[in-house]
Amino acid sequence: MGSKVQRLDAKVTPERVEEGLLERDRLILQIIISVLDEKQILEKHILKERVANLIELADHDDELKETIHALLNRI
């Protein structure tokens, strides 16, 4: 199951892994906090879709976005 936003073919840029991991984790925490505030249930595929949306909306260069998408796919 994947959304139109999730990039399942994204590749990791080795030089950007640490930066990508930090940003991915920040986005996941942002969504989890939002879900907890609203007392909702969050399923893994919905989390991945919401993070993918945030990645695309973020002000990052294309290389970092692709790296974050690839790291998100590893979850």
C-alpha atoms as a PDB file:
ATOM      1  CA  MET A   1       0.000   0.000   0.000  1.00  0.00           C
ATOM      2  CA  GLY A   2       1.453   3.366  -0.966  1.00  0.00           C
ATOM      3  CA  SER A   3       0.260   6.830  -1.626  1.00  0.00           C
ATOM      4  CA  LYS A   4       1.034   9.022  -4.597  1.00  0.00           C
ATOM      5  CA  VAL A   5       3.404  11.013  -2.406  1.00  0.00           C
ATOM      6  CA  GLN A   6       5.490   8.108  -1.124  1.00  0.00           C
ATOM      7  CA  ARG A   7       8.534   7.557  -3.309  1.00  0.00           C
ATOM      8  CA  LEU A   8       9.213   3.839  -3.029  1.00  0.00           C
ATOM      9  CA  ASP A   9      12.091   4.022  -5.526  1.00  0.00           C
ATOM     10  CA  ALA A  10      14.000   6.734  -3.604  1.00  0.00           C
ATOM     11  CA  LYS A  11      17.691   6.145  -2.985  1.00  0.00           C
ATOM     12  CA  VAL A  12      19.879   7.151  -0.053  1.00  0.00           C
ATOM     13  CA  THR A  13      22.667   9.619  -0.673  1.00  0.00           C
ATOM     14  CA  PRO A  14      25.395   8.339   1.698  1.00  0.00           C
ATOM     15  CA  GLU A  15      26.643  11.830   2.532  1.00  0.00           C
ATOM     16  CA  ARG A  16      23.143  12.899   3.622  1.00  0.00           C
ATOM     17  CA  VAL A  17      22.173   9.878   5.784  1.00  0.00           C
ATOM     18  CA  GLU A  18      22.724  11.534   9.166  1.00  0.00           C
ATOM     19  CA  GLU A  19      20.901  14.695   8.128  1.00  0.00           C
ATOM     20  CA  GLY A  20      18.118  12.599   6.597  1.00  0.00           C
ATOM     21  CA  LEU A  21      17.704  10.467   9.709  1.00  0.00           C
ATOM     22  CA  LEU A  22      17.448  13.533  11.932  1.00  0.00           C
ATOM     23  CA  GLU A  23      14.814  15.111   9.701  1.00  0.00           C
ATOM     24  CA  ARG A  24      12.843  11.875   9.300  1.00  0.00           C
ATOM     25  CA  ASP A  25      12.773  11.370  13.061  1.00  0.00           C
ATOM     26  CA  ARG A  26      11.740  15.004  13.638  1.00  0.00           C
ATOM     27  CA  LEU A  27       8.837  14.643  11.205  1.00  0.00           C
ATOM     28  CA  ILE A  28       7.706  11.362  12.767  1.00  0.00           C
ATOM     29  CA  LEU A  29       7.748  12.907  16.241  1.00  0.00           C
ATOM     30  CA  GLN A  30       5.784  15.898  14.953  1.00  0.00           C
ATOM     31  CA  ILE A  31       3.046  13.594  13.642  1.00  0.00           C
ATOM     32  CA  ILE A  32       2.999  11.400  16.750  1.00  0.00           C
ATOM     33  CA  ILE A  33       2.602  14.446  18.999  1.00  0.00           C
ATOM     34  CA  SER A  34      -0.223  15.710  16.808  1.00  0.00           C
ATOM     35  CA  VAL A  35      -1.966  12.327  16.911  1.00  0.00           C
ATOM     36  CA  LEU A  36      -1.601  12.067  20.688  1.00  0.00           C
ATOM     37  CA  ASP A  37      -3.025  15.575  21.125  1.00  0.00           C
ATOM     38  CA  GLU A  38      -6.046  14.589  19.056  1.00  0.00           C
ATOM     39  CA  LYS A  39      -6.339  11.161  20.747  1.00  0.00           C
ATOM     40  CA  GLN A  40      -6.316   9.367  17.403  1.00  0.00           C
ATOM     41  CA  ILE A  41      -5.044   5.954  16.382  1.00  0.00           C
ATOM     42  CA  LEU A  42      -2.055   5.926  14.052  1.00  0.00           C
ATOM     43  CA  GLU A  43      -1.304   2.953  11.823  1.00  0.00           C
ATOM     44  CA  LYS A  44       2.103   2.415  10.255  1.00  0.00           C
ATOM     45  CA  HIS A  45       0.992   2.977   6.651  1.00  0.00           C
ATOM     46  CA  ILE A  46      -0.802   6.193   7.617  1.00  0.00           C
ATOM     47  CA  LEU A  47       2.273   7.423   9.496  1.00  0.00           C
ATOM     48  CA  LYS A  48       4.447   6.778   6.444  1.00  0.00           C
ATOM     49  CA  GLU A  49       1.978   8.579   4.173  1.00  0.00           C
ATOM     50  CA  ARG A  50       1.777  11.603   6.471  1.00  0.00           C
ATOM     51  CA  VAL A  51       5.559  11.800   6.801  1.00  0.00           C
ATOM     52  CA  ALA A  52       5.905  11.544   3.010  1.00  0.00           C
ATOM     53  CA  ASN A  53       3.530  14.491   2.665  1.00  0.00           C
ATOM     54  CA  LEU A  54       5.589  16.525   5.135  1.00  0.00           C
ATOM     55  CA  ILE A  55       8.805  15.638   3.301  1.00  0.00           C
ATOM     56  CA  GLU A  56       7.381  17.025   0.079  1.00  0.00           C
ATOM     57  CA  LEU A  57       6.178  20.190   1.827  1.00  0.00           C
ATOM     58  CA  ALA A  58       9.519  20.764   3.579  1.00  0.00           C
ATOM     59  CA  ASP A  59      11.995  23.311   2.297  1.00  0.00           C
ATOM     60  CA  HIS A  60      14.806  20.860   1.495  1.00  0.00           C
ATOM     61  CA  ASP A  61      16.768  20.262  -1.665  1.00  0.00           C
ATOM     62  CA  ASP A  62      15.723  17.335  -3.871  1.00  0.00           C
ATOM     63  CA  GLU A  63      18.680  15.169  -2.854  1.00  0.00           C
ATOM     64  CA  LEU A  64      17.819  15.406   0.848  1.00  0.00           C
ATOM     65  CA  LYS A  65      14.120  14.810   0.147  1.00  0.00           C
ATOM     66  CA  GLU A  66      14.978  11.645  -1.767  1.00  0.00           C
ATOM     67  CA  THR A  67      17.263  10.463   1.038  1.00  0.00           C
ATOM     68  CA  ILE A  68      14.537  11.056   3.638  1.00  0.00           C
ATOM     69  CA  HIS A  69      12.001   9.178   1.496  1.00  0.00           C
ATOM     70  CA  ALA A  70      14.432   6.258   1.175  1.00  0.00           C
ATOM     71  CA  LEU A  71      15.011   6.224   4.935  1.00  0.00           C
ATOM     72  CA  LEU A  72      11.262   6.356   5.527  1.00  0.00           C
ATOM     73  CA  ASN A  73      10.851   3.291   3.293  1.00  0.00           C
ATOM     74  CA  ARG A  74      13.129   1.346   5.651  1.00  0.00           C
ATOM     75  CA  ILE A  75      10.619   1.637   8.490  1.00  0.00           C
END
